[in-house]
C-alpha atoms as a PDB file:
ATOM      1  CA  PHE A   1      62.721 -28.795  -7.587  1.00  0.00           C
ATOM      2  CA  ARG A   2      63.622 -26.632  -4.882  1.00  0.00           C
ATOM      3  CA  GLY A   3      67.245 -26.424  -5.908  1.00  0.00           C
ATOM      4  CA  THR A   4      66.833 -25.060  -9.347  1.00  0.00           C
ATOM      5  CA  PRO A   5      65.522 -21.938 -10.025  1.00  0.00           C
ATOM      6  CA  LEU A   6      61.646 -22.265 -11.673  1.00  0.00           C
ATOM      7  CA  LEU A   7      62.673 -20.540 -14.975  1.00  0.00           C
ATOM      8  CA  VAL A   8      65.098 -23.031 -15.211  1.00  0.00           C
ATOM      9  CA  GLN A   9      62.541 -25.561 -14.481  1.00  0.00           C
ATOM     10  CA  ILE A  10      59.686 -23.429 -17.002  1.00  0.00           C
ATOM     11  CA  ILE A  11      62.399 -23.858 -20.060  1.00  0.00           C
ATOM     12  CA  PHE A  12      63.339 -27.487 -19.555  1.00  0.00           C
ATOM     13  CA  TRP A  13      59.341 -28.410 -19.271  1.00  0.00           C
ATOM     14  CA  ALA A  14      58.883 -26.287 -22.473  1.00  0.00           C
ATOM     15  CA  TYR A  15      61.850 -27.776 -24.524  1.00  0.00           C
ATOM     16  CA  ALA A  16      61.756 -31.428 -23.044  1.00  0.00           C
ATOM     17  CA  ALA A  17      61.240 -32.386 -26.496  1.00  0.00           C
ATOM     18  CA  ALA A  18      64.430 -32.021 -27.712  1.00  0.00           C
ATOM     19  CA  LEU A  19      65.255 -34.770 -25.236  1.00  0.00           C
ATOM     20  CA  TYR A  20      62.213 -37.163 -25.282  1.00  0.00           C
ATOM     21  CA  LYS A  21      61.013 -37.020 -28.875  1.00  0.00           C
ATOM     22  CA  HIS A  22      58.812 -39.847 -27.662  1.00  0.00           C
ATOM     23  CA  VAL A  23      56.751 -40.283 -24.381  1.00  0.00           C
ATOM     24  CA  MET A  24      55.601 -43.915 -24.419  1.00  0.00           C
ATOM     25  CA  ILE A  25      53.860 -45.696 -21.815  1.00  0.00           C
ATOM     26  CA  GLY A  26      54.717 -49.940 -21.529  1.00  0.00           C
ATOM     27  CA  ILE A  27      56.185 -52.645 -20.063  1.00  0.00           C
ATOM     28  CA  PRO A  28      59.929 -51.235 -18.729  1.00  0.00           C
ATOM     29  CA  PHE A  29      63.327 -52.653 -19.950  1.00  0.00           C
ATOM     30  CA  THR A  30      60.952 -54.278 -23.035  1.00  0.00           C
ATOM     31  CA  THR A  31      60.336 -53.094 -26.677  1.00  0.00           C
ATOM     32  CA  VAL A  32      56.327 -53.722 -25.502  1.00  0.00           C
ATOM     33  CA  THR A  33      54.537 -49.948 -25.900  1.00  0.00           C
ATOM     34  CA  PHE A  34      51.075 -50.134 -25.153  1.00  0.00           C
ATOM     35  CA  VAL A  35      50.695 -46.161 -25.667  1.00  0.00           C
ATOM     36  CA  GLN A  36      52.905 -43.269 -28.003  1.00  0.00           C
ATOM     37  CA  PHE A  37      52.645 -39.671 -27.714  1.00  0.00           C
ATOM     38  CA  ASP A  38      54.800 -37.077 -29.252  1.00  0.00           C
ATOM     39  CA  THR A  39      55.946 -35.038 -26.978  1.00  0.00           C
ATOM     40  CA  ASN A  40      55.574 -31.893 -28.952  1.00  0.00           C
ATOM     41  CA  SER A  41      51.908 -32.005 -29.275  1.00  0.00           C
ATOM     42  CA  LEU A  42      51.588 -33.627 -25.372  1.00  0.00           C
ATOM     43  CA  LEU A  43      53.651 -30.796 -23.510  1.00  0.00           C
ATOM     44  CA  THR A  44      52.052 -27.474 -24.961  1.00  0.00           C
ATOM     45  CA  PRO A  45      53.181 -24.361 -23.175  1.00  0.00           C
ATOM     46  CA  SER A  46      50.269 -24.304 -21.007  1.00  0.00           C
ATOM     47  CA  ILE A  47      51.043 -27.793 -19.679  1.00  0.00           C
ATOM     48  CA  ALA A  48      54.584 -27.136 -19.501  1.00  0.00           C
ATOM     49  CA  ALA A  49      53.868 -24.440 -16.840  1.00  0.00           C
ATOM     50  CA  LEU A  50      51.374 -25.968 -15.378  1.00  0.00           C
ATOM     51  CA  LEU A  51      54.133 -29.330 -14.570  1.00  0.00           C
ATOM     52  CA  ALA A  52      56.841 -26.682 -13.783  1.00  0.00           C
ATOM     53  CA  LEU A  53      54.611 -24.632 -11.217  1.00  0.00           C
ATOM     54  CA  GLY A  54      53.194 -27.545 -10.115  1.00  0.00           C
ATOM     55  CA  LEU A  55      56.073 -29.916  -9.276  1.00  0.00           C
ATOM     56  CA  ASN A  56      57.936 -26.936  -7.732  1.00  0.00           C
ATOM     57  CA  GLU A  57      54.955 -25.635  -5.470  1.00  0.00           C
ATOM     58  CA  ALA A  58      54.519 -29.074  -4.228  1.00  0.00           C
ATOM     59  CA  ALA A  59      58.266 -29.739  -3.224  1.00  0.00           C
ATOM     60  CA  TYR A  60      57.806 -26.564  -1.323  1.00  0.00           C
ATOM     61  CA  ALA A  61      54.126 -27.442   0.260  1.00  0.00           C
ATOM     62  CA  SER A  62      55.504 -30.974   1.181  1.00  0.00           C
ATOM     63  CA  GLU A  63      58.139 -29.171   3.096  1.00  0.00           C
ATOM     64  CA  ILE A  64      55.764 -26.737   4.853  1.00  0.00           C
ATOM     65  CA  VAL A  65      53.676 -29.706   5.825  1.00  0.00           C
ATOM     66  CA  ARG A  66      56.132 -31.751   7.324  1.00  0.00           C
ATOM     67  CA  ALA A  67      57.368 -28.440   9.384  1.00  0.00           C
ATOM     68  CA  GLY A  68      53.989 -28.440  10.601  1.00  0.00           C
ATOM     69  CA  ILE A  69      54.170 -31.761  11.437  1.00  0.00           C
ATOM     70  CA  GLN A  70      57.008 -31.781  13.623  1.00  0.00           C
ATOM     71  CA  SER A  71      55.847 -28.632  15.124  1.00  0.00           C
ATOM     72  CA  VAL A  72      53.773 -30.394  17.274  1.00  0.00           C
ATOM     73  CA  ASP A  73      54.867 -32.342  20.517  1.00  0.00           C
ATOM     74  CA  PRO A  74      55.430 -35.969  20.612  1.00  0.00           C
ATOM     75  CA  GLY A  75      53.961 -36.044  23.731  1.00  0.00           C
ATOM     76  CA  GLN A  76      50.155 -35.295  22.016  1.00  0.00           C
ATOM     77  CA  GLN A  77      51.123 -37.951  19.844  1.00  0.00           C
ATOM     78  CA  GLU A  78      51.891 -40.463  22.506  1.00  0.00           C
ATOM     79  CA  ALA A  79      49.363 -39.717  25.139  1.00  0.00           C
ATOM     80  CA  ALA A  80      46.419 -40.314  22.179  1.00  0.00           C
ATOM     81  CA  HIS A  81      48.078 -43.676  21.837  1.00  0.00           C
ATOM     82  CA  SER A  82      47.837 -44.588  25.030  1.00  0.00           C
ATOM     83  CA  LEU A  83      44.471 -43.650  25.110  1.00  0.00           C
ATOM     84  CA  GLY A  84      44.303 -46.730  22.277  1.00  0.00           C
ATOM     85  CA  MET A  85      43.736 -44.191  19.475  1.00  0.00           C
ATOM     86  CA  LYS A  86      44.940 -45.132  15.732  1.00  0.00           C
ATOM     87  CA  PRO A  87      47.733 -43.251  13.854  1.00  0.00           C
ATOM     88  CA  ALA A  88      44.929 -42.445  11.250  1.00  0.00           C
ATOM     89  CA  LEU A  89      42.889 -41.264  13.981  1.00  0.00           C
ATOM     90  CA  THR A  90      45.899 -39.626  15.921  1.00  0.00           C
ATOM     91  CA  MET A  91      46.891 -37.627  13.059  1.00  0.00           C
ATOM     92  CA  ARG A  92      43.598 -36.361  11.911  1.00  0.00           C
ATOM     93  CA  ARG A  93      41.937 -35.552  15.385  1.00  0.00           C
ATOM     94  CA  ILE A  94      45.117 -34.679  17.121  1.00  0.00           C
ATOM     95  CA  VAL A  95      48.033 -33.641  15.313  1.00  0.00           C
ATOM     96  CA  LEU A  96      47.071 -31.684  11.963  1.00  0.00           C
ATOM     97  CA  PRO A  97      44.460 -29.416  14.087  1.00  0.00           C
ATOM     98  CA  GLN A  98      47.449 -28.536  15.546  1.00  0.00           C
ATOM     99  CA  ALA A  99      49.757 -28.196  13.039  1.00  0.00           C
ATOM    100  CA  MET A 100      47.300 -26.107  10.432  1.00  0.00           C
ATOM    101  CA  LYS A 101      48.734 -23.403  13.133  1.00  0.00           C
ATOM    102  CA  VAL A 102      51.881 -24.039  11.951  1.00  0.00           C
ATOM    103  CA  ILE A 103      51.448 -24.444   8.498  1.00  0.00           C
ATOM    104  CA  ILE A 104      48.805 -22.135   6.837  1.00  0.00           C
ATOM    105  CA  PRO A 105      50.709 -18.604   7.182  1.00  0.00           C
ATOM    106  CA  PRO A 106      53.474 -20.570   4.403  1.00  0.00           C
ATOM    107  CA  MET A 107      51.627 -22.138   2.913  1.00  0.00           C
ATOM    108  CA  GLY A 108      49.721 -19.128   2.101  1.00  0.00           C
ATOM    109  CA  ASN A 109      52.021 -16.806   1.308  1.00  0.00           C
ATOM    110  CA  GLU A 110      53.673 -19.792  -0.694  1.00  0.00           C
ATOM    111  CA  THR A 111      50.386 -19.665  -3.083  1.00  0.00           C
ATOM    112  CA  ILE A 112      50.266 -15.807  -3.542  1.00  0.00           C
ATOM    113  CA  ASN A 113      54.066 -15.891  -4.041  1.00  0.00           C
ATOM    114  CA  MET A 114      53.547 -19.020  -6.609  1.00  0.00           C
ATOM    115  CA  LEU A 115      50.520 -16.902  -8.688  1.00  0.00           C
ATOM    116  CA  LYS A 116      53.101 -13.581  -9.145  1.00  0.00           C
ATOM    117  CA  THR A 117      55.522 -16.098 -10.202  1.00  0.00           C
ATOM    118  CA  THR A 118      52.977 -17.188 -12.980  1.00  0.00           C
ATOM    119  CA  ALA A 119      55.261 -14.191 -14.986  1.00  0.00           C
ATOM    120  CA  TYR A 120      57.523 -16.296 -15.736  1.00  0.00           C
ATOM    121  CA  VAL A 121      55.779 -18.701 -18.067  1.00  0.00           C
ATOM    122  CA  SER A 122      55.446 -15.563 -20.407  1.00  0.00           C
ATOM    123  CA  VAL A 123      59.557 -16.797 -21.544  1.00  0.00           C
ATOM    124  CA  ILE A 124      57.690 -20.136 -23.566  1.00  0.00           C
ATOM    125  CA  ALA A 125      54.692 -18.146 -24.698  1.00  0.00           C
ATOM    126  CA  ALA A 126      52.207 -19.661 -22.661  1.00  0.00           C
ATOM    127  CA  HIS A 127      48.567 -18.321 -22.228  1.00  0.00           C
ATOM    128  CA  ASP A 128      49.099 -16.226 -19.227  1.00  0.00           C
ATOM    129  CA  LEU A 129      48.442 -12.665 -17.945  1.00  0.00           C
ATOM    130  CA  MET A 130      51.646 -11.785 -18.572  1.00  0.00           C
ATOM    131  CA  SER A 131      51.814 -13.368 -21.745  1.00  0.00           C
ATOM    132  CA  ASN A 132      47.928 -11.358 -23.035  1.00  0.00           C
ATOM    133  CA  ILE A 133      50.061  -8.298 -21.931  1.00  0.00           C
ATOM    134  CA  GLN A 134      53.082  -8.171 -23.962  1.00  0.00           C
ATOM    135  CA  ASP A 135      50.931  -9.630 -26.754  1.00  0.00           C
ATOM    136  CA  VAL A 136      49.085  -6.211 -26.263  1.00  0.00           C
ATOM    137  CA  TYR A 137      51.846  -3.695 -25.972  1.00  0.00           C
ATOM    138  CA  ALA A 138      53.460  -5.325 -29.053  1.00  0.00           C
ATOM    139  CA  GLN A 139      50.470  -4.071 -31.187  1.00  0.00           C
ATOM    140  CA  ASN A 140      50.143  -0.612 -29.475  1.00  0.00           C
ATOM    141  CA  TYR A 141      53.514  -0.089 -27.987  1.00  0.00           C
ATOM    142  CA  GLN A 142      52.658   1.516 -24.837  1.00  0.00           C
ATOM    143  CA  VAL A 143      54.496  -0.653 -22.674  1.00  0.00           C
ATOM    144  CA  ILE A 144      54.664   1.029 -19.326  1.00  0.00           C
ATOM    145  CA  PRO A 145      50.657   1.877 -19.184  1.00  0.00           C
ATOM    146  CA  MET A 146      49.876  -2.418 -19.701  1.00  0.00           C
ATOM    147  CA  LEU A 147      52.516  -3.203 -16.976  1.00  0.00           C
ATOM    148  CA  VAL A 148      50.974  -1.017 -14.824  1.00  0.00           C
ATOM    149  CA  VAL A 149      47.447  -2.911 -15.723  1.00  0.00           C
ATOM    150  CA  ALA A 150      49.429  -6.252 -15.315  1.00  0.00           C
ATOM    151  CA  ALA A 151      50.497  -5.313 -11.612  1.00  0.00           C
ATOM    152  CA  LEU A 152      46.883  -3.904 -10.817  1.00  0.00           C
ATOM    153  CA  TRP A 153      45.254  -7.307 -11.759  1.00  0.00           C
ATOM    154  CA  TYR A 154      48.553  -9.462 -10.134  1.00  0.00           C
ATOM    155  CA  LEU A 155      47.436  -7.109  -7.099  1.00  0.00           C
ATOM    156  CA  ALA A 156      43.802  -7.752  -6.743  1.00  0.00           C
ATOM    157  CA  LEU A 157      44.169 -11.460  -7.622  1.00  0.00           C
ATOM    158  CA  THR A 158      46.687 -11.708  -4.669  1.00  0.00           C
ATOM    159  CA  THR A 159      44.377  -9.290  -2.149  1.00  0.00           C
ATOM    160  CA  LEU A 160      41.342 -11.803  -2.926  1.00  0.00           C
ATOM    161  CA  LEU A 161      43.924 -14.761  -1.966  1.00  0.00           C
ATOM    162  CA  SER A 162      44.887 -12.706   1.079  1.00  0.00           C
ATOM    163  CA  GLY A 163      41.542 -12.514   2.856  1.00  0.00           C
ATOM    164  CA  PRO A 164      40.761 -16.486   2.902  1.00  0.00           C
ATOM    165  CA  GLN A 165      44.451 -16.583   4.371  1.00  0.00           C
ATOM    166  CA  ALA A 166      43.486 -14.469   6.681  1.00  0.00           C
ATOM    167  CA  TRP A 167      40.149 -16.120   7.997  1.00  0.00           C
ATOM    168  CA  LEU A 168      42.036 -19.906   7.986  1.00  0.00           C
ATOM    169  CA  GLU A 169      44.391 -18.509  10.423  1.00  0.00           C
ATOM    170  CA  ARG A 170      41.630 -17.102  12.257  1.00  0.00           C
ATOM    171  CA  ARG A 171      40.132 -20.154  12.277  1.00  0.00           C
ATOM    172  CA  TYR A 172      42.753 -22.670  13.196  1.00  0.00           C
ATOM    173  CA  GLY A 173      44.223 -20.040  15.743  1.00  0.00           C
ATOM    174  CA  ARG A 174      41.264 -19.924  18.102  1.00  0.00           C
ATOM    175  CA  GLY A 175      42.323 -19.774  21.721  1.00  0.00           C
ATOM    176  CA  THR A 176      45.305 -18.254  21.268  1.00  0.00           C
ATOM    177  CA  ALA A 177      46.282 -14.437  21.311  1.00  0.00           C
ATOM    178  CA  ARG A 178      46.636 -13.801  17.927  1.00  0.00           C
ATOM    179  CA  ALA A 179      43.102 -15.225  17.386  1.00  0.00           C
ATOM    180  CA  ALA A 180      41.781 -12.394  19.784  1.00  0.00           C
ATOM    181  CA  GLN A 181      43.187  -9.278  17.155  1.00  0.00           C
ATOM    182  CA  VAL A 182      40.625  -7.693  14.790  1.00  0.00           C
ATOM    183  CA  SER A 183      42.071  -7.693  11.253  1.00  0.00           C
ATOM    184  CA  PRO A 184      42.203  -4.067   9.604  1.00  0.00           C
ATOM    185  CA  LEU A 185      39.523  -4.765   7.350  1.00  0.00           C
ATOM    186  CA  ARG A 186      37.119  -5.789   9.997  1.00  0.00           C
ATOM    187  CA  ARG A 187      38.222  -2.421  12.053  1.00  0.00           C
ATOM    188  CA  LEU A 188      37.701  -0.542   8.996  1.00  0.00           C
ATOM    189  CA  PHE A 189      33.849  -1.603   8.569  1.00  0.00           C
ATOM    190  CA  THR A 190      33.516  -1.800  12.432  1.00  0.00           C
ATOM    191  CA  GLY A 191      34.851   1.625  12.164  1.00  0.00           C
ATOM    192  CA  VAL A 192      32.428   3.163   9.115  1.00  0.00           C
ATOM    193  CA  ALA A 193      29.330   1.207  10.656  1.00  0.00           C
ATOM    194  CA  GLY A 194      29.786   3.122  14.183  1.00  0.00           C
ATOM    195  CA  ARG A 195      30.423   6.133  12.708  1.00  0.00           C
ATOM    196  CA  LEU A 196      26.831   5.780  10.674  1.00  0.00           C
ATOM    197  CA  THR A 197      25.013   4.689  13.373  1.00  0.00           C
ATOM    198  CA  THR A 198      26.137   8.058  15.397  1.00  0.00           C
ATOM    199  CA  GLU A 199      25.477   9.870  12.867  1.00  0.00           C
ATOM    200  CA  ARG A 200      21.705   8.314  12.626  1.00  0.00           C
ATOM    201  CA  LYS A 201      21.392   8.778  16.479  1.00  0.00           C
ATOM    202  CA  GLY A 202      22.557  12.544  16.302  1.00  0.00           C
END
């Protein structure tokens, strides 16, 4: 999933019926079949888009989580085991809280990137933002204005996702120099509030 282009994966899932006409659930290597579905009716464009984006994102997310867990010093786990903590408790209470500082920034960026790559599913006419924009400019021939509208929508959505990401980074980065930094938005609101207070006192 990480070694092939996302666009190829989307098209593959959309036209999987050309390879498998039916999806059957039964006992492997026998003729016993419990349930059978027509692939065309099962893999609609929306389902194909979800499969392609979900599996692709899961492949990248698992790598990010693996790298985050491996970034924690092995001595932390050894110390927890010496105190009698079980492996599951060690992972939950010792390893993951430290790994989250490494996991959250690339995971947030990957999520935002996936939101933008949903524009690719317009090639299989799934009901996404870009497909709807294409339907509109096919009727009114206002291509550039409609693309600007699409760009503004994507910008708004990615901005909304950036807020929780920044909060999580500060939340799990407590005790570090990075966590002590004030975000640009908070500096803006603090500056505006300070000016208003000064004007009222004046």
